[in-house]
């Protein structure tokens, strides 16, 4: 049995079809788990997916029909 490999921020962003800046925002907001080695973040996709599912469930940011609810956007904070 092999353990799941860690991936970099670019690969994680590609996996979730989001930008690298979105992943960095998730990190700043402590939404996802990460391992930081010598200033470089590494992630396990399954742990990130679980954390995002938990965050969505706790914050009701997705409606029952699967569409996304309104999310605030602050250009000073989100970029």
N, C-alpha and C. Protein backbone atom coordinates (compact mmCIF):
# COMPACT_ATOMS: atom_id res chain seq x y z
N UNK A 1 0.84 -1.19 0.00
CA UNK A 1 0.00 0.00 0.00
C UNK A 1 0.88 1.25 0.00
N UNK A 2 0.64 2.14 -0.94
CA UNK A 2 1.42 3.36 -1.01
C UNK A 2 0.63 4.52 -0.42
N UNK A 3 1.35 5.42 0.20
CA UNK A 3 0.67 6.58 0.76
C UNK A 3 0.49 7.64 -0.33
N UNK A 4 -0.47 8.50 -0.10
CA UNK A 4 -0.76 9.56 -1.07
C UNK A 4 0.38 10.57 -1.09
N UNK A 5 0.85 10.94 -2.27
CA UNK A 5 1.96 11.90 -2.33
C UNK A 5 1.47 13.33 -2.06
N UNK A 6 2.38 14.15 -1.60
CA UNK A 6 2.10 15.57 -1.46
C UNK A 6 2.27 16.23 -2.81
N UNK A 7 1.46 17.28 -3.07
CA UNK A 7 1.56 18.02 -4.33
C UNK A 7 1.81 19.49 -4.01
N UNK A 8 2.32 20.20 -5.01
CA UNK A 8 2.58 21.62 -4.85
C UNK A 8 1.32 22.45 -5.08
N UNK A 9 1.46 23.74 -4.85
CA UNK A 9 0.32 24.65 -4.94
C UNK A 9 -0.24 24.73 -6.36
N UNK A 10 0.64 24.70 -7.35
CA UNK A 10 0.18 24.77 -8.74
C UNK A 10 -0.63 23.54 -9.12
N UNK A 11 -0.14 22.37 -8.73
CA UNK A 11 -0.85 21.14 -9.04
C UNK A 11 -2.19 21.08 -8.30
N UNK A 12 -2.22 21.56 -7.07
CA UNK A 12 -3.47 21.59 -6.31
C UNK A 12 -4.48 22.52 -6.97
N UNK A 13 -4.03 23.68 -7.39
CA UNK A 13 -4.91 24.63 -8.07
C UNK A 13 -5.47 24.01 -9.35
N UNK A 14 -4.63 23.35 -10.10
CA UNK A 14 -5.08 22.71 -11.33
C UNK A 14 -6.10 21.61 -11.03
N UNK A 15 -5.85 20.83 -10.00
CA UNK A 15 -6.76 19.73 -9.63
C UNK A 15 -8.16 20.26 -9.31
N UNK A 16 -8.23 21.39 -8.61
CA UNK A 16 -9.53 21.96 -8.23
C UNK A 16 -10.04 23.00 -9.23
N UNK A 17 -9.33 23.19 -10.32
CA UNK A 17 -9.71 24.16 -11.36
C UNK A 17 -9.91 25.56 -10.80
N UNK A 18 -8.94 25.98 -9.99
CA UNK A 18 -8.94 27.33 -9.43
C UNK A 18 -7.55 27.93 -9.66
N UNK A 19 -7.44 29.22 -9.39
CA UNK A 19 -6.14 29.86 -9.55
C UNK A 19 -5.26 29.61 -8.32
N UNK A 20 -3.98 29.82 -8.50
CA UNK A 20 -3.04 29.71 -7.39
C UNK A 20 -3.40 30.73 -6.30
N UNK A 21 -3.85 31.92 -6.71
CA UNK A 21 -4.23 32.93 -5.71
C UNK A 21 -5.41 32.48 -4.88
N UNK A 22 -6.31 31.69 -5.45
CA UNK A 22 -7.43 31.14 -4.67
C UNK A 22 -6.92 30.17 -3.62
N UNK A 23 -5.98 29.32 -3.99
CA UNK A 23 -5.41 28.39 -3.02
C UNK A 23 -4.70 29.17 -1.91
N UNK A 24 -3.99 30.23 -2.27
CA UNK A 24 -3.33 31.05 -1.25
C UNK A 24 -4.35 31.70 -0.32
N UNK A 25 -5.50 32.12 -0.88
CA UNK A 25 -6.56 32.69 -0.04
C UNK A 25 -7.08 31.64 0.93
N UNK A 26 -7.27 30.40 0.46
CA UNK A 26 -7.71 29.32 1.34
C UNK A 26 -6.71 29.12 2.47
N UNK A 27 -5.42 29.22 2.16
CA UNK A 27 -4.38 29.08 3.18
C UNK A 27 -4.46 30.20 4.22
N UNK A 28 -4.59 31.45 3.73
CA UNK A 28 -4.67 32.60 4.65
C UNK A 28 -5.86 32.49 5.59
N UNK A 29 -6.95 31.92 5.08
CA UNK A 29 -8.17 31.79 5.88
C UNK A 29 -8.21 30.48 6.67
N UNK A 30 -7.10 29.74 6.66
CA UNK A 30 -7.00 28.45 7.36
C UNK A 30 -8.11 27.49 6.97
N UNK A 31 -8.49 27.51 5.71
CA UNK A 31 -9.54 26.62 5.22
C UNK A 31 -9.01 25.24 4.86
N UNK A 32 -7.71 25.14 4.55
CA UNK A 32 -7.15 23.88 4.08
C UNK A 32 -5.87 23.54 4.84
N UNK A 33 -5.60 22.25 5.02
CA UNK A 33 -4.36 21.83 5.67
C UNK A 33 -3.19 21.85 4.70
N UNK A 34 -2.02 22.16 5.21
CA UNK A 34 -0.82 22.19 4.37
C UNK A 34 0.40 21.86 5.22
N UNK A 35 1.40 21.39 4.55
CA UNK A 35 2.71 21.15 5.15
C UNK A 35 3.65 22.16 4.52
N UNK A 36 4.39 22.89 5.34
CA UNK A 36 5.31 23.89 4.81
C UNK A 36 6.74 23.45 5.11
N UNK A 37 7.50 23.22 4.04
CA UNK A 37 8.89 22.80 4.16
C UNK A 37 9.77 23.82 3.46
N UNK A 38 10.67 24.42 4.21
CA UNK A 38 11.57 25.44 3.66
C UNK A 38 10.82 26.51 2.87
N UNK A 39 9.68 26.93 3.40
CA UNK A 39 8.90 27.99 2.78
C UNK A 39 8.04 27.58 1.61
N UNK A 40 7.98 26.28 1.32
CA UNK A 40 7.19 25.77 0.20
C UNK A 40 6.04 24.93 0.75
N UNK A 41 4.82 25.26 0.32
CA UNK A 41 3.65 24.51 0.77
C UNK A 41 3.48 23.24 -0.03
N UNK A 42 3.07 22.17 0.67
CA UNK A 42 2.75 20.89 0.06
C UNK A 42 1.40 20.45 0.62
N UNK A 43 0.64 19.74 -0.22
CA UNK A 43 -0.72 19.37 0.15
C UNK A 43 -1.02 17.93 -0.22
N UNK A 44 -1.92 17.32 0.53
CA UNK A 44 -2.50 16.03 0.15
C UNK A 44 -3.90 16.36 -0.37
N UNK A 45 -4.15 16.01 -1.63
CA UNK A 45 -5.42 16.36 -2.26
C UNK A 45 -6.62 15.89 -1.45
N UNK A 46 -6.58 14.66 -0.95
CA UNK A 46 -7.73 14.13 -0.21
C UNK A 46 -8.01 14.93 1.05
N UNK A 47 -6.96 15.39 1.73
CA UNK A 47 -7.15 16.19 2.94
C UNK A 47 -7.74 17.56 2.62
N UNK A 48 -7.28 18.14 1.51
CA UNK A 48 -7.80 19.44 1.09
C UNK A 48 -9.27 19.31 0.69
N UNK A 49 -9.59 18.27 -0.06
CA UNK A 49 -10.98 18.07 -0.48
C UNK A 49 -11.88 17.91 0.74
N UNK A 50 -11.45 17.12 1.70
CA UNK A 50 -12.23 16.92 2.92
C UNK A 50 -12.42 18.24 3.68
N UNK A 51 -11.37 19.03 3.78
CA UNK A 51 -11.44 20.31 4.47
C UNK A 51 -12.39 21.28 3.76
N UNK A 52 -12.34 21.31 2.43
CA UNK A 52 -13.24 22.19 1.69
C UNK A 52 -14.69 21.75 1.82
N UNK A 53 -14.93 20.45 1.79
CA UNK A 53 -16.31 19.95 1.98
C UNK A 53 -16.82 20.35 3.37
N UNK A 54 -15.97 20.21 4.37
CA UNK A 54 -16.36 20.58 5.74
C UNK A 54 -16.63 22.08 5.83
N UNK A 55 -15.77 22.88 5.21
CA UNK A 55 -15.95 24.33 5.24
C UNK A 55 -17.28 24.73 4.59
N UNK A 56 -17.57 24.15 3.44
CA UNK A 56 -18.82 24.45 2.74
C UNK A 56 -20.02 24.05 3.60
N UNK A 57 -19.96 22.86 4.20
CA UNK A 57 -21.07 22.39 5.03
C UNK A 57 -21.30 23.31 6.23
N UNK A 58 -20.22 23.78 6.83
CA UNK A 58 -20.34 24.63 8.03
C UNK A 58 -20.75 26.06 7.70
N UNK A 59 -20.47 26.51 6.49
CA UNK A 59 -20.73 27.90 6.14
C UNK A 59 -21.88 28.10 5.16
N UNK A 60 -22.53 27.02 4.77
CA UNK A 60 -23.69 27.11 3.88
C UNK A 60 -23.43 27.97 2.66
N UNK A 61 -22.24 27.87 2.07
CA UNK A 61 -21.94 28.69 0.89
C UNK A 61 -22.43 28.05 -0.41
N UNK A 62 -23.02 26.86 -0.31
CA UNK A 62 -23.61 26.21 -1.47
C UNK A 62 -25.06 25.91 -1.15
N UNK A 63 -25.95 26.28 -2.05
CA UNK A 63 -27.37 26.05 -1.86
C UNK A 63 -27.70 24.59 -2.10
N UNK A 64 -28.90 24.17 -1.67
CA UNK A 64 -29.31 22.77 -1.82
C UNK A 64 -29.33 22.31 -3.27
N UNK A 65 -29.60 23.22 -4.22
CA UNK A 65 -29.64 22.82 -5.63
C UNK A 65 -28.25 22.72 -6.25
N UNK A 66 -27.21 22.95 -5.45
CA UNK A 66 -25.83 22.81 -5.92
C UNK A 66 -25.22 24.08 -6.47
N UNK A 67 -26.01 25.15 -6.57
CA UNK A 67 -25.46 26.40 -7.05
C UNK A 67 -24.78 27.13 -5.90
N UNK A 68 -23.86 27.97 -6.26
CA UNK A 68 -23.09 28.69 -5.25
C UNK A 68 -23.87 29.90 -4.76
N UNK A 69 -23.85 30.11 -3.47
CA UNK A 69 -24.49 31.28 -2.88
C UNK A 69 -23.60 32.49 -3.07
N UNK A 70 -24.12 33.66 -2.79
CA UNK A 70 -23.33 34.89 -2.89
C UNK A 70 -22.16 34.84 -1.92
N UNK A 71 -21.00 35.20 -2.42
CA UNK A 71 -19.79 35.25 -1.61
C UNK A 71 -19.21 36.64 -1.74
N UNK A 72 -18.86 37.23 -0.63
CA UNK A 72 -18.31 38.58 -0.68
C UNK A 72 -16.93 38.57 -1.33
N UNK A 73 -16.59 39.68 -1.96
CA UNK A 73 -15.31 39.81 -2.64
C UNK A 73 -14.69 41.12 -2.24
N UNK A 74 -13.49 41.04 -1.71
CA UNK A 74 -12.74 42.23 -1.31
C UNK A 74 -11.44 42.24 -2.10
N UNK A 75 -11.32 43.14 -3.09
CA UNK A 75 -10.11 43.12 -3.93
C UNK A 75 -8.84 43.40 -3.15
N UNK A 76 -8.93 44.09 -2.03
CA UNK A 76 -7.73 44.35 -1.22
C UNK A 76 -7.28 43.10 -0.49
N UNK A 77 -8.19 42.19 -0.22
CA UNK A 77 -7.86 41.00 0.53
C UNK A 77 -7.70 39.77 -0.36
N UNK A 78 -8.44 39.72 -1.46
CA UNK A 78 -8.48 38.51 -2.27
C UNK A 78 -7.42 38.44 -3.36
N UNK A 79 -6.59 39.48 -3.50
CA UNK A 79 -5.52 39.44 -4.50
C UNK A 79 -4.19 39.62 -3.86
